[in-house]
Amino acid sequence: MGAGRPPADKEQKVTETKDLPIISEALGVIDGALNDFLHRELVSSNEVTDLLLDVRSVLSKSSAKSVEDISGLELVLEDQVSAQA
């Protein structure tokens, strides 16, 4: 058992997420590739790399959107502070 971690029976499970559409899209990419890979004995490292890059791309969209949301919030807060001054 790792230091600082609660016992397995006490751990809380995270079941909600704000980026459900992004996760669904990433899962779709993974499922499509797994379906293609399922019928073959060998999968090249290039194909696996392409899959990982596709998933990373989908997840990066979510991260970039979060950064834009935070930047937009900062601008709104700055405008409110300027208006009060």
C-alpha atoms as a PDB file:
ATOM      1  CA  MET A   1       0.000   0.000   0.000  1.00  0.00           C
ATOM      2  CA  GLY A   2       1.436   3.395  -1.004  1.00  0.00           C
ATOM      3  CA  ALA A   3       2.191   6.071   1.562  1.00  0.00           C
ATOM      4  CA  GLY A   4      -0.536   8.661   1.891  1.00  0.00           C
ATOM      5  CA  ARG A   5      -3.142   6.585   0.060  1.00  0.00           C
ATOM      6  CA  PRO A   6      -6.277   5.355   1.746  1.00  0.00           C
ATOM      7  CA  PRO A   7      -6.914   1.595   1.789  1.00  0.00           C
ATOM      8  CA  ALA A   8      -8.571   0.273  -1.374  1.00  0.00           C
ATOM      9  CA  ASP A   9     -11.903  -0.194   0.378  1.00  0.00           C
ATOM     10  CA  LYS A  10     -11.890   3.486   1.486  1.00  0.00           C
ATOM     11  CA  GLU A  11     -10.968   5.041  -1.890  1.00  0.00           C
ATOM     12  CA  GLN A  12     -13.547   7.262  -3.536  1.00  0.00           C
ATOM     13  CA  LYS A  13     -14.398   6.579  -7.142  1.00  0.00           C
ATOM     14  CA  VAL A  14     -14.750   9.493  -9.566  1.00  0.00           C
ATOM     15  CA  THR A  15     -17.765   8.902 -11.776  1.00  0.00           C
ATOM     16  CA  GLU A  16     -18.496  12.364 -13.134  1.00  0.00           C
ATOM     17  CA  THR A  17     -16.603  14.522 -15.597  1.00  0.00           C
ATOM     18  CA  LYS A  18     -17.248  17.867 -17.230  1.00  0.00           C
ATOM     19  CA  ASP A  19     -15.647  16.834 -20.536  1.00  0.00           C
ATOM     20  CA  LEU A  20     -17.879  13.856 -21.301  1.00  0.00           C
ATOM     21  CA  PRO A  21     -18.107  14.611 -25.071  1.00  0.00           C
ATOM     22  CA  ILE A  22     -14.299  14.737 -25.349  1.00  0.00           C
ATOM     23  CA  ILE A  23     -13.935  11.480 -23.444  1.00  0.00           C
ATOM     24  CA  SER A  24     -16.622   9.869 -25.612  1.00  0.00           C
ATOM     25  CA  GLU A  25     -14.767  10.991 -28.731  1.00  0.00           C
ATOM     26  CA  ALA A  26     -11.467   9.604 -27.402  1.00  0.00           C
ATOM     27  CA  LEU A  27     -13.158   6.315 -26.525  1.00  0.00           C
ATOM     28  CA  GLY A  28     -14.606   6.177 -30.041  1.00  0.00           C
ATOM     29  CA  VAL A  29     -11.121   6.546 -31.531  1.00  0.00           C
ATOM     30  CA  ILE A  30      -9.802   3.792 -29.261  1.00  0.00           C
ATOM     31  CA  ASP A  31     -12.754   1.473 -29.939  1.00  0.00           C
ATOM     32  CA  GLY A  32     -12.405   1.899 -33.706  1.00  0.00           C
ATOM     33  CA  ALA A  33      -8.709   1.070 -33.602  1.00  0.00           C
ATOM     34  CA  LEU A  34      -9.216  -1.886 -31.277  1.00  0.00           C
ATOM     35  CA  ASN A  35     -11.893  -3.244 -33.599  1.00  0.00           C
ATOM     36  CA  ASP A  36      -9.445  -2.992 -36.497  1.00  0.00           C
ATOM     37  CA  PHE A  37      -6.584  -4.535 -34.485  1.00  0.00           C
ATOM     38  CA  LEU A  38      -8.762  -7.375 -33.160  1.00  0.00           C
ATOM     39  CA  HIS A  39      -8.762  -9.246 -36.474  1.00  0.00           C
ATOM     40  CA  ARG A  40      -4.995  -9.189 -36.913  1.00  0.00           C
ATOM     41  CA  GLU A  41      -2.173 -11.017 -35.246  1.00  0.00           C
ATOM     42  CA  LEU A  42       0.393  -8.246 -35.607  1.00  0.00           C
ATOM     43  CA  VAL A  43       0.010  -4.499 -35.277  1.00  0.00           C
ATOM     44  CA  SER A  44       2.892  -2.286 -36.308  1.00  0.00           C
ATOM     45  CA  SER A  45       4.389   0.216 -33.910  1.00  0.00           C
ATOM     46  CA  ASN A  46       3.496   2.947 -36.439  1.00  0.00           C
ATOM     47  CA  GLU A  47      -0.193   2.035 -36.182  1.00  0.00           C
ATOM     48  CA  VAL A  48      -0.077   2.082 -32.386  1.00  0.00           C
ATOM     49  CA  THR A  49       1.739   5.417 -32.473  1.00  0.00           C
ATOM     50  CA  ASP A  50      -0.931   6.824 -34.807  1.00  0.00           C
ATOM     51  CA  LEU A  51      -3.643   5.655 -32.426  1.00  0.00           C
ATOM     52  CA  LEU A  52      -1.932   7.241 -29.433  1.00  0.00           C
ATOM     53  CA  LEU A  53      -1.437  10.497 -31.339  1.00  0.00           C
ATOM     54  CA  ASP A  54      -5.124  10.524 -32.338  1.00  0.00           C
ATOM     55  CA  VAL A  55      -6.208  10.032 -28.736  1.00  0.00           C
ATOM     56  CA  ARG A  56      -3.734  12.679 -27.553  1.00  0.00           C
ATOM     57  CA  SER A  57      -5.097  15.095 -30.146  1.00  0.00           C
ATOM     58  CA  VAL A  58      -8.674  14.591 -28.961  1.00  0.00           C
ATOM     59  CA  LEU A  59      -7.684  15.041 -25.327  1.00  0.00           C
ATOM     60  CA  SER A  60      -5.565  18.105 -26.140  1.00  0.00           C
ATOM     61  CA  LYS A  61      -8.653  19.787 -27.574  1.00  0.00           C
ATOM     62  CA  SER A  62     -10.211  19.509 -24.128  1.00  0.00           C
ATOM     63  CA  SER A  63      -7.115  20.916 -22.444  1.00  0.00           C
ATOM     64  CA  ALA A  64      -6.893  23.841 -24.882  1.00  0.00           C
ATOM     65  CA  LYS A  65     -10.571  24.624 -24.352  1.00  0.00           C
ATOM     66  CA  SER A  66     -10.051  24.664 -20.583  1.00  0.00           C
ATOM     67  CA  VAL A  67      -7.161  27.130 -20.979  1.00  0.00           C
ATOM     68  CA  GLU A  68      -9.330  29.366 -23.190  1.00  0.00           C
ATOM     69  CA  ASP A  69     -12.139  29.259 -20.610  1.00  0.00           C
ATOM     70  CA  ILE A  70      -9.719  30.289 -17.841  1.00  0.00           C
ATOM     71  CA  SER A  71      -8.250  33.098 -19.987  1.00  0.00           C
ATOM     72  CA  GLY A  72     -11.739  34.369 -20.759  1.00  0.00           C
ATOM     73  CA  LEU A  73     -12.605  34.338 -17.063  1.00  0.00           C
ATOM     74  CA  GLU A  74      -9.467  36.343 -16.242  1.00  0.00           C
ATOM     75  CA  LEU A  75     -10.461  39.008 -18.791  1.00  0.00           C
ATOM     76  CA  VAL A  76     -13.958  39.271 -17.326  1.00  0.00           C
ATOM     77  CA  LEU A  77     -12.544  39.621 -13.812  1.00  0.00           C
ATOM     78  CA  GLU A  78     -10.081  42.323 -14.968  1.00  0.00           C
ATOM     79  CA  ASP A  79     -12.936  44.259 -16.593  1.00  0.00           C
ATOM     80  CA  GLN A  80     -14.978  44.052 -13.401  1.00  0.00           C
ATOM     81  CA  VAL A  81     -12.068  45.283 -11.271  1.00  0.00           C
ATOM     82  CA  SER A  82     -11.405  48.175 -13.694  1.00  0.00           C
ATOM     83  CA  ALA A  83     -15.091  49.178 -13.653  1.00  0.00           C
ATOM     84  CA  GLN A  84     -15.123  49.253  -9.835  1.00  0.00           C
ATOM     85  CA  ALA A  85     -11.987  51.430  -9.610  1.00  0.00           C
END
